């Protein structure tokens, strides 16, 4: 199984980007899909989570600006980012996991988002 993240790039402050992540290979029963980010010199942090039922959780720093969505049929997750700030600059990683047996935990390779004028 592989997770392929895409959609990163350079954007001006106040702009928008949409990240996508899709799982390839045989995978069933995803419970959670997440977006994390890691800024230079900082620890990786959770940005947003969506459950298979559509419930969402956001980090306080992105509430009201970012929206996570998913497509269970495609094993895909998206992150719509708006009102971007320079402090949103980071490598963004997607993750999919299942906590009950047979459990799994897969990470994507990361996509760089740079917010700068």
Protein backbone atom coordinates (compact mmCIF):
# COMPACT_ATOMS: atom_id res chain seq x y z
CA UNK A 1 0.00 0.00 0.00
CA UNK A 2 1.22 3.47 -0.87
CA UNK A 3 -0.14 6.91 -0.08
CA UNK A 4 0.53 9.54 -2.71
CA UNK A 5 0.18 13.16 -1.62
CA UNK A 6 0.04 16.00 -4.11
CA UNK A 7 -1.00 19.61 -4.49
CA UNK A 8 1.74 21.45 -2.62
CA UNK A 9 3.48 24.50 -3.97
CA UNK A 10 4.26 28.16 -3.49
CA UNK A 11 1.37 30.46 -2.60
CA UNK A 12 1.13 34.05 -1.40
CA UNK A 13 -0.21 34.87 2.05
CA UNK A 14 -3.99 34.87 1.97
CA UNK A 15 -4.07 32.40 -0.89
CA UNK A 16 -5.48 28.89 -1.15
CA UNK A 17 -4.26 25.41 -1.97
CA UNK A 18 -5.89 22.00 -2.11
CA UNK A 19 -3.91 18.93 -1.11
CA UNK A 20 -4.89 15.46 -2.23
CA UNK A 21 -3.84 12.05 -1.02
CA UNK A 22 -4.90 8.68 -2.35
CA UNK A 23 -4.06 5.18 -1.21
CA UNK A 24 -3.08 2.65 -3.84
CA UNK A 25 -2.99 -1.07 -3.43
CA UNK A 26 -5.37 -3.33 -1.58
CA UNK A 27 -6.68 -1.60 1.51
CA UNK A 28 -9.99 -1.89 3.32
CA UNK A 29 -11.52 -0.63 6.49
CA UNK A 30 -9.79 2.69 6.98
CA UNK A 31 -10.97 4.21 10.25
CA UNK A 32 -9.09 7.52 10.14
CA UNK A 33 -7.34 9.65 7.57
CA UNK A 34 -5.16 12.51 8.75
CA UNK A 35 -3.06 15.38 7.57
CA UNK A 36 0.07 16.27 9.52
CA UNK A 37 2.68 18.91 8.87
CA UNK A 38 6.26 19.51 9.84
CA UNK A 39 7.82 22.93 9.63
CA UNK A 40 11.60 23.37 9.51
CA UNK A 41 13.10 22.82 12.93
CA UNK A 42 9.78 21.81 14.48
CA UNK A 43 8.07 18.58 15.41
CA UNK A 44 5.46 17.01 13.20
CA UNK A 45 1.98 18.09 14.26
CA UNK A 46 -1.54 16.92 13.54
CA UNK A 47 -3.46 19.32 11.31
CA UNK A 48 -6.78 17.53 10.78
CA UNK A 49 -8.45 14.14 11.01
CA UNK A 50 -11.51 12.69 9.34
CA UNK A 51 -13.17 9.42 10.32
CA UNK A 52 -14.81 6.96 7.99
CA UNK A 53 -18.13 8.34 9.21
CA UNK A 54 -17.20 11.87 8.26
CA UNK A 55 -16.43 13.34 11.68
CA UNK A 56 -13.63 15.87 11.66
CA UNK A 57 -11.14 17.33 14.11
CA UNK A 58 -8.84 20.29 13.51
CA UNK A 59 -5.85 21.82 15.18
CA UNK A 60 -6.72 25.17 16.72
CA UNK A 61 -4.24 26.91 14.45
CA UNK A 62 -6.16 25.95 11.29
CA UNK A 63 -9.79 25.98 12.45
CA UNK A 64 -11.95 28.06 10.16
CA UNK A 65 -9.27 28.13 7.45
CA UNK A 66 -8.71 24.48 6.51
CA UNK A 67 -11.27 21.87 5.56
CA UNK A 68 -10.59 18.13 5.47
CA UNK A 69 -12.75 15.85 3.35
CA UNK A 70 -12.60 12.26 2.27
CA UNK A 71 -13.78 9.84 -0.38
CA UNK A 72 -14.19 6.38 1.11
CA UNK A 73 -14.71 4.74 -2.28
CA UNK A 74 -11.38 6.09 -3.51
CA UNK A 75 -9.52 5.77 -0.20
CA UNK A 76 -8.66 9.42 -0.63
CA UNK A 77 -8.40 12.45 1.63
CA UNK A 78 -8.22 16.12 0.76
CA UNK A 79 -7.22 19.28 2.57
CA UNK A 80 -8.61 22.59 1.34
CA UNK A 81 -6.44 25.35 2.77
CA UNK A 82 -7.54 28.97 2.66
CA UNK A 83 -6.31 32.24 4.13
CA UNK A 84 -2.84 30.76 4.21
CA UNK A 85 -0.22 32.32 6.46
CA UNK A 86 3.58 32.14 6.34
CA UNK A 87 3.45 29.98 9.48
CA UNK A 88 1.55 27.34 7.47
CA UNK A 89 4.76 26.68 5.54
CA UNK A 90 5.66 23.03 6.08
CA UNK A 91 5.84 19.61 4.53
CA UNK A 92 2.36 18.13 4.71
CA UNK A 93 1.92 14.40 5.20
CA UNK A 94 -1.16 12.24 4.87
CA UNK A 95 -1.83 9.16 6.95
CA UNK A 96 -4.43 6.42 6.98
CA UNK A 97 -4.96 3.99 9.81
CA UNK A 98 -7.16 1.35 11.27
CA UNK A 99 -7.07 0.71 14.99
CA UNK A 100 -8.91 -2.62 15.22
CA UNK A 101 -7.68 -5.95 13.82
CA UNK A 102 -6.35 -6.16 11.19
CA UNK A 103 -4.79 -2.85 12.08
CA UNK A 104 -2.55 -0.79 9.82
CA UNK A 105 -0.89 2.59 9.73
CA UNK A 106 0.41 4.09 6.48
CA UNK A 107 2.07 7.43 5.78
CA UNK A 108 2.47 9.35 2.55
CA UNK A 109 5.74 10.85 1.40
CA UNK A 110 4.87 14.50 2.04
CA UNK A 111 4.22 17.52 -0.12
CA UNK A 112 5.80 20.91 0.48
CA UNK A 113 3.63 23.98 1.01
CA UNK A 114 5.41 27.33 1.03
CA UNK A 115 3.51 30.49 1.91
CA UNK A 116 5.53 33.52 0.98
CA UNK A 117 5.26 36.79 -0.88
